[in-house]
């Protein structure tokens, strides 16, 4: 297998990681029936629930939906960013491997005695 082909396979794996990171970053997260948004984009519902949670906490009613949403989004955000960074690095490695040329024969070298 040539270096260009190996580099292409490595770059393909990098692309898979990048796509997986984007998918995980934009897939909606739900906690206890509440849409928390995605890892990269919080939901307006979560903000509304947060406001209600703080209002109810003053009345003696407690709920952990806000903290659960923040925790779930934070966990997915970390995984998505890790996949994006890892995928980007693997893409660069694939490009570098593809561009490296092996030792080549020089045709302009004279043989002794010629």
PDB file of N, CA and C in Angstrom:
ATOM      1  N   UNK A   1       0.853  -1.171   0.000  1.00  0.00           N
ATOM      2  CA  UNK A   1       0.000   0.000   0.000  1.00  0.00           C
ATOM      3  C   UNK A   1       0.906   1.244   0.000  1.00  0.00           C
ATOM      4  N   UNK A   2       0.627   2.172  -0.859  1.00  0.00           N
ATOM      5  CA  UNK A   2       1.458   3.369  -0.978  1.00  0.00           C
ATOM      6  C   UNK A   2       1.210   4.324   0.191  1.00  0.00           C
ATOM      7  N   UNK A   3       2.154   5.246   0.356  1.00  0.00           N
ATOM      8  CA  UNK A   3       2.003   6.223   1.441  1.00  0.00           C
ATOM      9  C   UNK A   3       0.786   7.111   1.228  1.00  0.00           C
ATOM     10  N   UNK A   4       0.490   7.434  -0.011  1.00  0.00           N
ATOM     11  CA  UNK A   4      -0.680   8.262  -0.291  1.00  0.00           C
ATOM     12  C   UNK A   4      -1.951   7.542   0.128  1.00  0.00           C
ATOM     13  N   UNK A   5      -2.015   6.227  -0.120  1.00  0.00           N
ATOM     14  CA  UNK A   5      -3.195   5.457   0.274  1.00  0.00           C
ATOM     15  C   UNK A   5      -3.300   5.353   1.798  1.00  0.00           C
ATOM     16  N   UNK A   6      -2.173   5.140   2.464  1.00  0.00           N
ATOM     17  CA  UNK A   6      -2.173   5.070   3.931  1.00  0.00           C
ATOM     18  C   UNK A   6      -2.597   6.419   4.512  1.00  0.00           C
ATOM     19  N   UNK A   7      -2.066   7.493   3.957  1.00  0.00           N
ATOM     20  CA  UNK A   7      -2.460   8.831   4.401  1.00  0.00           C
ATOM     21  C   UNK A   7      -3.938   9.086   4.186  1.00  0.00           C
ATOM     22  N   UNK A   8      -4.465   8.589   3.066  1.00  0.00           N
ATOM     23  CA  UNK A   8      -5.897   8.741   2.796  1.00  0.00           C
ATOM     24  C   UNK A   8      -6.754   7.983   3.787  1.00  0.00           C
ATOM     25  N   UNK A   9      -6.320   6.788   4.165  1.00  0.00           N
ATOM     26  CA  UNK A   9      -7.069   6.000   5.155  1.00  0.00           C
ATOM     27  C   UNK A   9      -7.023   6.693   6.510  1.00  0.00           C
ATOM     28  N   UNK A  10      -5.855   7.198   6.887  1.00  0.00           N
ATOM     29  CA  UNK A  10      -5.732   7.922   8.158  1.00  0.00           C
ATOM     30  C   UNK A  10      -6.622   9.156   8.144  1.00  0.00           C
ATOM     31  N   UNK A  11      -6.613   9.899   7.053  1.00  0.00           N
ATOM     32  CA  UNK A  11      -7.452  11.097   6.938  1.00  0.00           C
ATOM     33  C   UNK A  11      -8.937  10.738   6.994  1.00  0.00           C
ATOM     34  N   UNK A  12      -9.302   9.591   6.442  1.00  0.00           N
ATOM     35  CA  UNK A  12     -10.694   9.150   6.500  1.00  0.00           C
ATOM     36  C   UNK A  12     -11.127   8.904   7.951  1.00  0.00           C
ATOM     37  N   UNK A  13     -10.246   8.290   8.741  1.00  0.00           N
ATOM     38  CA  UNK A  13     -10.552   8.110  10.160  1.00  0.00           C
ATOM     39  C   UNK A  13     -10.703   9.458  10.857  1.00  0.00           C
ATOM     40  N   UNK A  14      -9.854  10.413  10.516  1.00  0.00           N
ATOM     41  CA  UNK A  14      -9.974  11.755  11.078  1.00  0.00           C
ATOM     42  C   UNK A  14     -11.296  12.396  10.730  1.00  0.00           C
ATOM     43  N   UNK A  15     -11.722  12.219   9.494  1.00  0.00           N
ATOM     44  CA  UNK A  15     -13.002  12.762   9.064  1.00  0.00           C
ATOM     45  C   UNK A  15     -14.160  12.128   9.827  1.00  0.00           C
ATOM     46  N   UNK A  16     -14.070  10.825  10.083  1.00  0.00           N
ATOM     47  CA  UNK A  16     -15.104  10.133  10.862  1.00  0.00           C
ATOM     48  C   UNK A  16     -15.183  10.728  12.264  1.00  0.00           C
ATOM     49  N   UNK A  17     -14.023  10.996  12.887  1.00  0.00           N
ATOM     50  CA  UNK A  17     -14.019  11.596  14.230  1.00  0.00           C
ATOM     51  C   UNK A  17     -14.636  12.985  14.214  1.00  0.00           C
ATOM     52  N   UNK A  18     -14.312  13.780  13.204  1.00  0.00           N
ATOM     53  CA  UNK A  18     -14.869  15.136  13.112  1.00  0.00           C
ATOM     54  C   UNK A  18     -16.391  15.080  12.952  1.00  0.00           C
ATOM     55  N   UNK A  19     -16.869  14.217  12.069  1.00  0.00           N
ATOM     56  CA  UNK A  19     -18.320  14.089  11.866  1.00  0.00           C
ATOM     57  C   UNK A  19     -18.994  13.614  13.156  1.00  0.00           C
ATOM     58  N   UNK A  20     -18.387  12.641  13.842  1.00  0.00           N
ATOM     59  CA  UNK A  20     -18.959  12.154  15.105  1.00  0.00           C
ATOM     60  C   UNK A  20     -19.000  13.276  16.142  1.00  0.00           C
ATOM     61  N   UNK A  21     -17.971  14.103  16.209  1.00  0.00           N
ATOM     62  CA  UNK A  21     -17.963  15.226  17.140  1.00  0.00           C
ATOM     63  C   UNK A  21     -19.047  16.239  16.834  1.00  0.00           C
ATOM     64  N   UNK A  22     -19.257  16.518  15.542  1.00  0.00           N
ATOM     65  CA  UNK A  22     -20.320  17.455  15.161  1.00  0.00           C
ATOM     66  C   UNK A  22     -21.701  16.889  15.472  1.00  0.00           C
ATOM     67  N   UNK A  23     -21.893  15.604  15.190  1.00  0.00           N
ATOM     68  CA  UNK A  23     -23.189  14.978  15.478  1.00  0.00           C
ATOM     69  C   UNK A  23     -23.461  15.009  16.977  1.00  0.00           C
ATOM     70  N   UNK A  24     -22.484  14.611  17.787  1.00  0.00           N
ATOM     71  CA  UNK A  24     -22.679  14.622  19.238  1.00  0.00           C
ATOM     72  C   UNK A  24     -22.885  16.041  19.771  1.00  0.00           C
ATOM     73  N   UNK A  25     -22.271  17.003  19.136  1.00  0.00           N
ATOM     74  CA  UNK A  25     -22.408  18.382  19.579  1.00  0.00           C
ATOM     75  C   UNK A  25     -23.753  19.002  19.273  1.00  0.00           C
ATOM     76  N   UNK A  26     -24.431  18.502  18.247  1.00  0.00           N
ATOM     77  CA  UNK A  26     -25.699  19.112  17.847  1.00  0.00           C
ATOM     78  C   UNK A  26     -26.928  18.240  18.085  1.00  0.00           C
ATOM     79  N   UNK A  27     -26.743  17.020  18.588  1.00  0.00           N
ATOM     80  CA  UNK A  27     -27.886  16.158  18.912  1.00  0.00           C
ATOM     81  C   UNK A  27     -28.531  16.687  20.191  1.00  0.00           C
ATOM     82  N   UNK A  28     -29.870  16.833  20.225  1.00  0.00           N
ATOM     83  CA  UNK A  28     -30.534  17.358  21.426  1.00  0.00           C
ATOM     84  C   UNK A  28     -30.357  16.450  22.640  1.00  0.00           C
ATOM     85  N   UNK A  29     -30.196  17.080  23.796  1.00  0.00           N
ATOM     86  CA  UNK A  29     -30.068  16.375  25.068  1.00  0.00           C
ATOM     87  C   UNK A  29     -31.365  16.598  25.847  1.00  0.00           C
ATOM     88  N   UNK A  30     -31.927  15.517  26.396  1.00  0.00           N
ATOM     89  CA  UNK A  30     -33.157  15.604  27.190  1.00  0.00           C
ATOM     90  C   UNK A  30     -32.907  15.038  28.576  1.00  0.00           C
ATOM     91  N   UNK A  31     -33.416  15.728  29.591  1.00  0.00           N
ATOM     92  CA  UNK A  31     -33.323  15.254  30.963  1.00  0.00           C
ATOM     93  C   UNK A  31     -34.696  15.395  31.600  1.00  0.00           C
ATOM     94  N   UNK A  32     -35.229  14.315  32.103  1.00  0.00           N
ATOM     95  CA  UNK A  32     -36.539  14.309  32.777  1.00  0.00           C
ATOM     96  C   UNK A  32     -37.628  14.954  31.925  1.00  0.00           C
ATOM     97  N   UNK A  33     -37.597  14.690  30.640  1.00  0.00           N
ATOM     98  CA  UNK A  33     -38.614  15.224  29.740  1.00  0.00           C
ATOM     99  C   UNK A  33     -38.396  16.667  29.335  1.00  0.00           C
ATOM    100  N   UNK A  34     -37.307  17.275  29.762  1.00  0.00           N
ATOM    101  CA  UNK A  34     -37.013  18.671  29.430  1.00  0.00           C
ATOM    102  C   UNK A  34     -35.934  18.697  28.363  1.00  0.00           C
ATOM    103  N   UNK A  35     -36.171  19.455  27.300  1.00  0.00           N
ATOM    104  CA  UNK A  35     -35.173  19.615  26.247  1.00  0.00           C
ATOM    105  C   UNK A  35     -34.115  20.599  26.734  1.00  0.00           C
ATOM    106  N   UNK A  36     -32.903  20.111  26.871  1.00  0.00           N
ATOM    107  CA  UNK A  36     -31.805  20.950  27.368  1.00  0.00           C
ATOM    108  C   UNK A  36     -31.054  21.619  26.230  1.00  0.00           C
ATOM    109  N   UNK A  37     -31.429  21.354  25.006  1.00  0.00           N
ATOM    110  CA  UNK A  37     -30.689  21.847  23.858  1.00  0.00           C
ATOM    111  C   UNK A  37     -29.629  20.829  23.484  1.00  0.00           C
ATOM    112  N   UNK A  38     -28.566  21.283  22.861  1.00  0.00           N
ATOM    113  CA  UNK A  38     -27.472  20.389  22.487  1.00  0.00           C
ATOM    114  C   UNK A  38     -26.213  20.813  23.238  1.00  0.00           C
ATOM    115  N   UNK A  39     -25.158  20.066  23.057  1.00  0.00           N
ATOM    116  CA  UNK A  39     -23.902  20.398  23.730  1.00  0.00           C
ATOM    117  C   UNK A  39     -23.385  21.764  23.302  1.00  0.00           C
ATOM    118  N   UNK A  40     -23.622  22.131  22.043  1.00  0.00           N
ATOM    119  CA  UNK A  40     -23.122  23.402  21.536  1.00  0.00           C
ATOM    120  C   UNK A  40     -24.146  24.529  21.577  1.00  0.00           C
ATOM    121  N   UNK A  41     -25.417  24.200  21.788  1.00  0.00           N
ATOM    122  CA  UNK A  41     -26.471  25.203  21.698  1.00  0.00           C
ATOM    123  C   UNK A  41     -27.527  24.958  22.774  1.00  0.00           C
ATOM    124  N   UNK A  42     -27.546  25.758  23.849  1.00  0.00           N
ATOM    125  CA  UNK A  42     -28.556  25.548  24.887  1.00  0.00           C
ATOM    126  C   UNK A  42     -29.961  25.865  24.373  1.00  0.00           C
ATOM    127  N   UNK A  43     -30.942  25.236  25.001  1.00  0.00           N
ATOM    128  CA  UNK A  43     -32.332  25.416  24.601  1.00  0.00           C
ATOM    129  C   UNK A  43     -32.983  26.535  25.399  1.00  0.00           C
ATOM    130  N   UNK A  44     -33.951  27.211  24.778  1.00  0.00           N
ATOM    131  CA  UNK A  44     -34.728  28.216  25.499  1.00  0.00           C
ATOM    132  C   UNK A  44     -35.563  27.563  26.595  1.00  0.00           C
ATOM    133  N   UNK A  45     -36.003  26.308  26.375  1.00  0.00           N
ATOM    134  CA  UNK A  45     -36.766  25.588  27.396  1.00  0.00           C
ATOM    135  C   UNK A  45     -35.948  25.431  28.671  1.00  0.00           C
ATOM    136  N   UNK A  46     -34.677  25.134  28.521  1.00  0.00           N
ATOM    137  CA  UNK A  46     -33.820  24.947  29.693  1.00  0.00           C
ATOM    138  C   UNK A  46     -33.702  26.252  30.467  1.00  0.00           C
ATOM    139  N   UNK A  47     -33.601  27.375  29.762  1.00  0.00           N
ATOM    140  CA  UNK A  47     -33.528  28.667  30.445  1.00  0.00           C
ATOM    141  C   UNK A  47     -34.827  28.954  31.186  1.00  0.00           C
ATOM    142  N   UNK A  48     -35.958  28.610  30.582  1.00  0.00           N
ATOM    143  CA  UNK A  48     -37.261  28.813  31.229  1.00  0.00           C
ATOM    144  C   UNK A  48     -37.371  27.935  32.471  1.00  0.00           C
ATOM    145  N   UNK A  49     -36.954  26.690  32.350  1.00  0.00           N
ATOM    146  CA  UNK A  49     -36.977  25.787  33.494  1.00  0.00           C
ATOM    147  C   UNK A  49     -36.040  26.298  34.585  1.00  0.00           C
ATOM    148  N   UNK A  50     -34.907  26.831  34.198  1.00  0.00           N
ATOM    149  CA  UNK A  50     -33.972  27.391  35.175  1.00  0.00           C
ATOM    150  C   UNK A  50     -34.630  28.523  35.957  1.00  0.00           C
ATOM    151  N   UNK A  51     -35.323  29.417  35.246  1.00  0.00           N
ATOM    152  CA  UNK A  51     -35.999  30.521  35.927  1.00  0.00           C
ATOM    153  C   UNK A  51     -37.073  30.001  36.882  1.00  0.00           C
ATOM    154  N   UNK A  52     -37.856  29.022  36.427  1.00  0.00           N
ATOM    155  CA  UNK A  52     -38.894  28.457  37.286  1.00  0.00           C
ATOM    156  C   UNK A  52     -38.294  27.726  38.479  1.00  0.00           C
ATOM    157  N   UNK A  53     -37.174  27.054  38.251  1.00  0.00           N
ATOM    158  CA  UNK A  53     -36.521  26.314  39.329  1.00  0.00           C
ATOM    159  C   UNK A  53     -36.094  27.256  40.444  1.00  0.00           C
ATOM    160  N   UNK A  54     -35.482  28.361  40.048  1.00  0.00           N
ATOM    161  CA  UNK A  54     -35.043  29.316  41.066  1.00  0.00           C
ATOM    162  C   UNK A  54     -36.238  29.966  41.764  1.00  0.00           C
ATOM    163  N   UNK A  55     -37.319  30.209  41.032  1.00  0.00           N
ATOM    164  CA  UNK A  55     -38.511  30.789  41.644  1.00  0.00           C
ATOM    165  C   UNK A  55     -39.134  29.812  42.638  1.00  0.00           C
ATOM    166  N   UNK A  56     -39.186  28.514  42.279  1.00  0.00           N
ATOM    167  CA  UNK A  56     -39.781  27.517  43.165  1.00  0.00           C
ATOM    168  C   UNK A  56     -38.884  27.219  44.361  1.00  0.00           C
ATOM    169  N   UNK A  57     -37.571  27.372  44.172  1.00  0.00           N
ATOM    170  CA  UNK A  57     -36.647  27.094  45.274  1.00  0.00           C
ATOM    171  C   UNK A  57     -36.908  28.060  46.429  1.00  0.00           C
ATOM    172  N   UNK A  58     -37.322  29.270  46.124  1.00  0.00           N
ATOM    173  CA  UNK A  58     -37.652  30.237  47.166  1.00  0.00           C
ATOM    174  C   UNK A  58     -38.933  29.881  47.902  1.00  0.00           C
ATOM    175  N   UNK A  59     -39.772  29.025  47.293  1.00  0.00           N
ATOM    176  CA  UNK A  59     -41.043  28.636  47.912  1.00  0.00           C
ATOM    177  C   UNK A  59     -40.932  27.274  48.587  1.00  0.00           C
ATOM    178  N   UNK A  60     -39.732  26.751  48.718  1.00  0.00           N
ATOM    179  CA  UNK A  60     -39.564  25.469  49.390  1.00  0.00           C
ATOM    180  C   UNK A  60     -39.654  24.268  48.466  1.00  0.00           C
ATOM    181  N   UNK A  61     -39.854  24.487  47.153  1.00  0.00           N
ATOM    182  CA  UNK A  61     -39.914  23.403  46.185  1.00  0.00           C
ATOM    183  C   UNK A  61     -38.543  23.301  45.530  1.00  0.00           C
ATOM    184  N   UNK A  62     -37.987  22.120  45.516  1.00  0.00           N
ATOM    185  CA  UNK A  62     -36.666  21.987  44.906  1.00  0.00           C
ATOM    186  C   UNK A  62     -36.720  21.002  43.750  1.00  0.00           C
ATOM    187  N   UNK A  63     -35.927  21.257  42.741  1.00  0.00           N
ATOM    188  CA  UNK A  63     -35.812  20.366  41.598  1.00  0.00           C
ATOM    189  C   UNK A  63     -34.382  20.415  41.081  1.00  0.00           C
ATOM    190  N   UNK A  64     -33.926  19.322  40.536  1.00  0.00           N
ATOM    191  CA  UNK A  64     -32.561  19.243  40.054  1.00  0.00           C
ATOM    192  C   UNK A  64     -32.488  19.241  38.538  1.00  0.00           C
ATOM    193  N   UNK A  65     -33.556  19.635  37.860  1.00  0.00           N
ATOM    194  CA  UNK A  65     -33.576  19.598  36.402  1.00  0.00           C
ATOM    195  C   UNK A  65     -32.525  20.540  35.821  1.00  0.00           C
ATOM    196  N   UNK A  66     -32.402  21.713  36.398  1.00  0.00           N
ATOM    197  CA  UNK A  66     -31.430  22.675  35.881  1.00  0.00           C
ATOM    198  C   UNK A  66     -30.014  22.132  35.987  1.00  0.00           C
ATOM    199  N   UNK A  67     -29.677  21.628  37.150  1.00  0.00           N
ATOM    200  CA  UNK A  67     -28.331  21.074  37.331  1.00  0.00           C
ATOM    201  C   UNK A  67     -28.113  19.855  36.441  1.00  0.00           C
ATOM    202  N   UNK A  68     -29.150  19.030  36.285  1.00  0.00           N
ATOM    203  CA  UNK A  68     -29.035  17.840  35.436  1.00  0.00           C
ATOM    204  C   UNK A  68     -28.824  18.247  33.976  1.00  0.00           C
ATOM    205  N   UNK A  69     -29.542  19.279  33.522  1.00  0.00           N
ATOM    206  CA  UNK A  69     -29.360  19.770  32.148  1.00  0.00           C
ATOM    207  C   UNK A  69     -27.942  20.296  31.952  1.00  0.00           C
ATOM    208  N   UNK A  70     -27.491  21.106  32.884  1.00  0.00           N
ATOM    209  CA  UNK A  70     -26.141  21.663  32.768  1.00  0.00           C
ATOM    210  C   UNK A  70     -25.096  20.553  32.761  1.00  0.00           C
ATOM    211  N   UNK A  71     -25.286  19.572  33.617  1.00  0.00           N
ATOM    212  CA  UNK A  71     -24.339  18.465  33.695  1.00  0.00           C
ATOM    213  C   UNK A  71     -24.344  17.632  32.414  1.00  0.00           C
ATOM    214  N   UNK A  72     -25.535  17.323  31.906  1.00  0.00           N
ATOM    215  CA  UNK A  72     -25.642  16.517  30.681  1.00  0.00           C
ATOM    216  C   UNK A  72     -25.032  17.251  29.492  1.00  0.00           C
ATOM    217  N   UNK A  73     -25.333  18.539  29.346  1.00  0.00           N
ATOM    218  CA  UNK A  73     -24.773  19.321  28.243  1.00  0.00           C
ATOM    219  C   UNK A  73     -23.261  19.427  28.366  1.00  0.00           C
ATOM    220  N   UNK A  74     -22.772  19.608  29.591  1.00  0.00           N
ATOM    221  CA  UNK A  74     -21.336  19.722  29.813  1.00  0.00           C
ATOM    222  C   UNK A  74     -20.613  18.422  29.451  1.00  0.00           C
ATOM    223  N   UNK A  75     -21.193  17.290  29.831  1.00  0.00           N
ATOM    224  CA  UNK A  75     -20.579  16.001  29.507  1.00  0.00           C
ATOM    225  C   UNK A  75     -20.515  15.781  28.002  1.00  0.00           C
ATOM    226  N   UNK A  76     -21.622  16.032  27.296  1.00  0.00           N
ATOM    227  CA  UNK A  76     -21.630  15.846  25.842  1.00  0.00           C
ATOM    228  C   UNK A  76     -20.711  16.849  25.159  1.00  0.00           C
ATOM    229  N   UNK A  77     -20.633  18.061  25.706  1.00  0.00           N
ATOM    230  CA  UNK A  77     -19.766  19.090  25.132  1.00  0.00           C
ATOM    231  C   UNK A  77     -18.303  18.644  25.189  1.00  0.00           C
ATOM    232  N   UNK A  78     -17.897  18.088  26.323  1.00  0.00           N
ATOM    233  CA  UNK A  78     -16.523  17.633  26.472  1.00  0.00           C
ATOM    234  C   UNK A  78     -16.192  16.520  25.476  1.00  0.00           C
ATOM    235  N   UNK A  79     -17.097  15.559  25.321  1.00  0.00           N
ATOM    236  CA  UNK A  79     -16.867  14.452  24.394  1.00  0.00           C
ATOM    237  C   UNK A  79     -16.829  14.965  22.948  1.00  0.00           C
ATOM    238  N   UNK A  80     -17.752  15.849  22.603  1.00  0.00           N
ATOM    239  CA  UNK A  80     -17.808  16.376  21.234  1.00  0.00           C
ATOM    240  C   UNK A  80     -16.544  17.161  20.893  1.00  0.00           C
ATOM    241  N   UNK A  81     -16.093  18.002  21.797  1.00  0.00           N
ATOM    242  CA  UNK A  81     -14.882  18.788  21.542  1.00  0.00           C
ATOM    243  C   UNK A  81     -13.659  17.875  21.448  1.00  0.00           C
ATOM    244  N   UNK A  82     -13.599  16.861  22.301  1.00  0.00           N
ATOM    245  CA  UNK A  82     -12.492  15.906  22.238  1.00  0.00           C
ATOM    246  C   UNK A  82     -12.455  15.206  20.877  1.00  0.00           C
ATOM    247  N   UNK A  83     -13.612  14.781  20.381  1.00  0.00           N
ATOM    248  CA  UNK A  83     -13.663  14.131  19.069  1.00  0.00           C
ATOM    249  C   UNK A  83     -13.272  15.088  17.950  1.00  0.00           C
ATOM    250  N   UNK A  84     -13.707  16.339  18.040  1.00  0.00           N
ATOM    251  CA  UNK A  84     -13.354  17.324  17.015  1.00  0.00           C
ATOM    252  C   UNK A  84     -11.843  17.582  16.987  1.00  0.00           C
ATOM    253  N   UNK A  85     -11.251  17.749  18.159  1.00  0.00           N
ATOM    254  CA  UNK A  85      -9.807  18.007  18.219  1.00  0.00           C
ATOM    255  C   UNK A  85      -9.034  16.784  17.744  1.00  0.00           C
ATOM    256  N   UNK A  86      -9.415  15.614  18.234  1.00  0.00           N
ATOM    257  CA  UNK A  86      -8.747  14.385  17.826  1.00  0.00           C
ATOM    258  C   UNK A  86      -8.887  14.166  16.318  1.00  0.00           C
ATOM    259  N   UNK A  87     -10.077  14.383  15.785  1.00  0.00           N
ATOM    260  CA  UNK A  87     -10.295  14.236  14.352  1.00  0.00           C
ATOM    261  C   UNK A  87      -9.463  15.209  13.535  1.00  0.00           C
ATOM    262  N   UNK A  88      -9.361  16.447  14.003  1.00  0.00           N
ATOM    263  CA  UNK A  88      -8.538  17.431  13.306  1.00  0.00           C
ATOM    264  C   UNK A  88      -7.074  17.034  13.290  1.00  0.00           C
ATOM    265  N   UNK A  89      -6.579  16.540  14.421  1.00  0.00           N
ATOM    266  CA  UNK A  89      -5.185  16.098  14.477  1.00  0.00           C
ATOM    267  C   UNK A  89      -4.938  14.899  13.565  1.00  0.00           C
ATOM    268  N   UNK A  90      -5.878  13.955  13.556  1.00  0.00           N
ATOM    269  CA  UNK A  90      -5.720  12.778  12.691  1.00  0.00           C
ATOM    270  C   UNK A  90      -5.777  13.185  11.222  1.00  0.00           C
ATOM    271  N   UNK A  91      -6.623  14.139  10.883  1.00  0.00           N
ATOM    272  CA  UNK A  91      -6.661  14.649   9.500  1.00  0.00           C
ATOM    273  C   UNK A  91      -5.311  15.244   9.101  1.00  0.00           C
ATOM    274  N   UNK A  92      -4.703  16.011   9.989  1.00  0.00           N
ATOM    275  CA  UNK A  92      -3.398  16.609   9.695  1.00  0.00           C
ATOM    276  C   UNK A  92      -2.340  15.524   9.521  1.00  0.00           C
ATOM    277  N   UNK A  93      -2.359  14.523  10.400  1.00  0.00           N
ATOM    278  CA  UNK A  93      -1.400  13.418  10.277  1.00  0.00           C
ATOM    279  C   UNK A  93      -1.589  12.700   8.942  1.00  0.00           C
ATOM    280  N   UNK A  94      -2.840  12.464   8.553  1.00  0.00           N
ATOM    281  CA  UNK A  94      -3.106  11.822   7.268  1.00  0.00           C
ATOM    282  C   UNK A  94      -2.587  12.636   6.103  1.00  0.00           C
ATOM    283  N   UNK A  95      -2.752  13.953   6.165  1.00  0.00           N
ATOM    284  CA  UNK A  95      -2.250  14.814   5.092  1.00  0.00           C
ATOM    285  C   UNK A  95      -0.726  14.801   5.038  1.00  0.00           C
ATOM    286  N   UNK A  96      -0.091  14.800   6.209  1.00  0.00           N
ATOM    287  CA  UNK A  96       1.373  14.777   6.248  1.00  0.00           C
ATOM    288  C   UNK A  96       1.896  13.454   5.710  1.00  0.00           C
ATOM    289  N   UNK A  97       1.277  12.350   6.123  1.00  0.00           N
ATOM    290  CA  UNK A  97       1.719  11.037   5.639  1.00  0.00           C
ATOM    291  C   UNK A  97       1.540  10.946   4.122  1.00  0.00           C
ATOM    292  N   UNK A  98       0.456  11.489   3.608  1.00  0.00           N
ATOM    293  CA  UNK A  98       0.224  11.457   2.155  1.00  0.00           C
ATOM    294  C   UNK A  98       1.249  12.274   1.388  1.00  0.00           C
ATOM    295  N   UNK A  99       1.724  13.353   1.999  1.00  0.00           N
ATOM    296  CA  UNK A  99       2.632  14.241   1.273  1.00  0.00           C
ATOM    297  C   UNK A  99       4.095  13.820   1.374  1.00  0.00           C
ATOM    298  N   UNK A 100       4.427  12.920   2.290  1.00  0.00           N
ATOM    299  CA  UNK A 100       5.812  12.466   2.420  1.00  0.00           C
ATOM    300  C   UNK A 100       6.154  11.566   1.245  1.00  0.00           C
ATOM    301  N   UNK A 101       7.245  11.881   0.617  1.00  0.00           N
ATOM    302  CA  UNK A 101       7.704  11.060  -0.502  1.00  0.00           C
ATOM    303  C   UNK A 101       8.850  10.191  -0.041  1.00  0.00           C
ATOM    304  N   UNK A 102       8.890   9.007  -0.563  1.00  0.00           N
ATOM    305  CA  UNK A 102       9.968   8.079  -0.237  1.00  0.00           C
ATOM    306  C   UNK A 102      11.225   8.415  -1.011  1.00  0.00           C
ATOM    307  N   UNK A 103      12.284   7.660  -0.789  1.00  0.00           N
ATOM    308  CA  UNK A 103      13.524   7.909  -1.540  1.00  0.00           C
ATOM    309  C   UNK A 103      13.291   7.660  -3.030  1.00  0.00           C
ATOM    310  N   UNK A 104      13.777   8.566  -3.835  1.00  0.00           N
ATOM    311  CA  UNK A 104      13.577   8.452  -5.287  1.00  0.00           C
ATOM    312  C   UNK A 104      14.915   8.325  -5.988  1.00  0.00           C
ATOM    313  N   UNK A 105      14.888   7.645  -7.087  1.00  0.00           N
ATOM    314  CA  UNK A 105      16.077   7.506  -7.915  1.00  0.00           C
ATOM    315  C   UNK A 105      16.286   8.810  -8.683  1.00  0.00           C
ATOM    316  N   UNK A 106      17.514   9.319  -8.640  1.00  0.00           N
ATOM    317  CA  UNK A 106      17.826  10.501  -9.439  1.00  0.00           C
ATOM    318  C   UNK A 106      18.306  10.057 -10.800  1.00  0.00           C
ATOM    319  N   UNK A 107      17.730  10.609 -11.820  1.00  0.00           N
ATOM    320  CA  UNK A 107      18.105  10.200 -13.183  1.00  0.00           C
ATOM    321  C   UNK A 107      19.282  11.001 -13.716  1.00  0.00           C
ATOM    322  N   UNK A 108      19.658  12.088 -13.062  1.00  0.00           N
ATOM    323  CA  UNK A 108      20.747  12.916 -13.578  1.00  0.00           C
ATOM    324  C   UNK A 108      22.104  12.569 -12.992  1.00  0.00           C
ATOM    325  N   UNK A 109      22.190  11.520 -12.195  1.00  0.00           N
ATOM    326  CA  UNK A 109      23.455  11.128 -11.589  1.00  0.00           C
ATOM    327  C   UNK A 109      24.234  10.296 -12.617  1.00  0.00           C
ATOM    328  N   UNK A 110      25.473  10.679 -12.840  1.00  0.00           N
ATOM    329  CA  UNK A 110      26.308   9.958 -13.804  1.00  0.00           C
ATOM    330  C   UNK A 110      26.981   8.769 -13.113  1.00  0.00           C
ATOM    331  N   UNK A 111      27.105   7.734 -13.857  1.00  0.00           N
ATOM    332  CA  UNK A 111      27.824   6.576 -13.346  1.00  0.00           C
ATOM    333  C   UNK A 111      29.298   6.758 -13.609  1.00  0.00           C
ATOM    334  N   UNK A 112      30.165   6.275 -12.745  1.00  0.00           N
ATOM    335  CA  UNK A 112      31.621   6.445 -12.961  1.00  0.00           C
ATOM    336  C   UNK A 112      32.070   5.732 -14.231  1.00  0.00           C
ATOM    337  N   UNK A 113      32.934   6.346 -14.927  1.00  0.00           N
ATOM    338  CA  UNK A 113      33.490   5.777 -16.153  1.00  0.00           C
ATOM    339  C   UNK A 113      32.628   6.004 -17.385  1.00  0.00           C
ATOM    340  N   UNK A 114      31.566   6.741 -17.267  1.00  0.00           N
ATOM    341  CA  UNK A 114      30.712   6.941 -18.430  1.00  0.00           C
ATOM    342  C   UNK A 114      31.020   8.228 -19.125  1.00  0.00           C
TER     343      UNK A 114
END
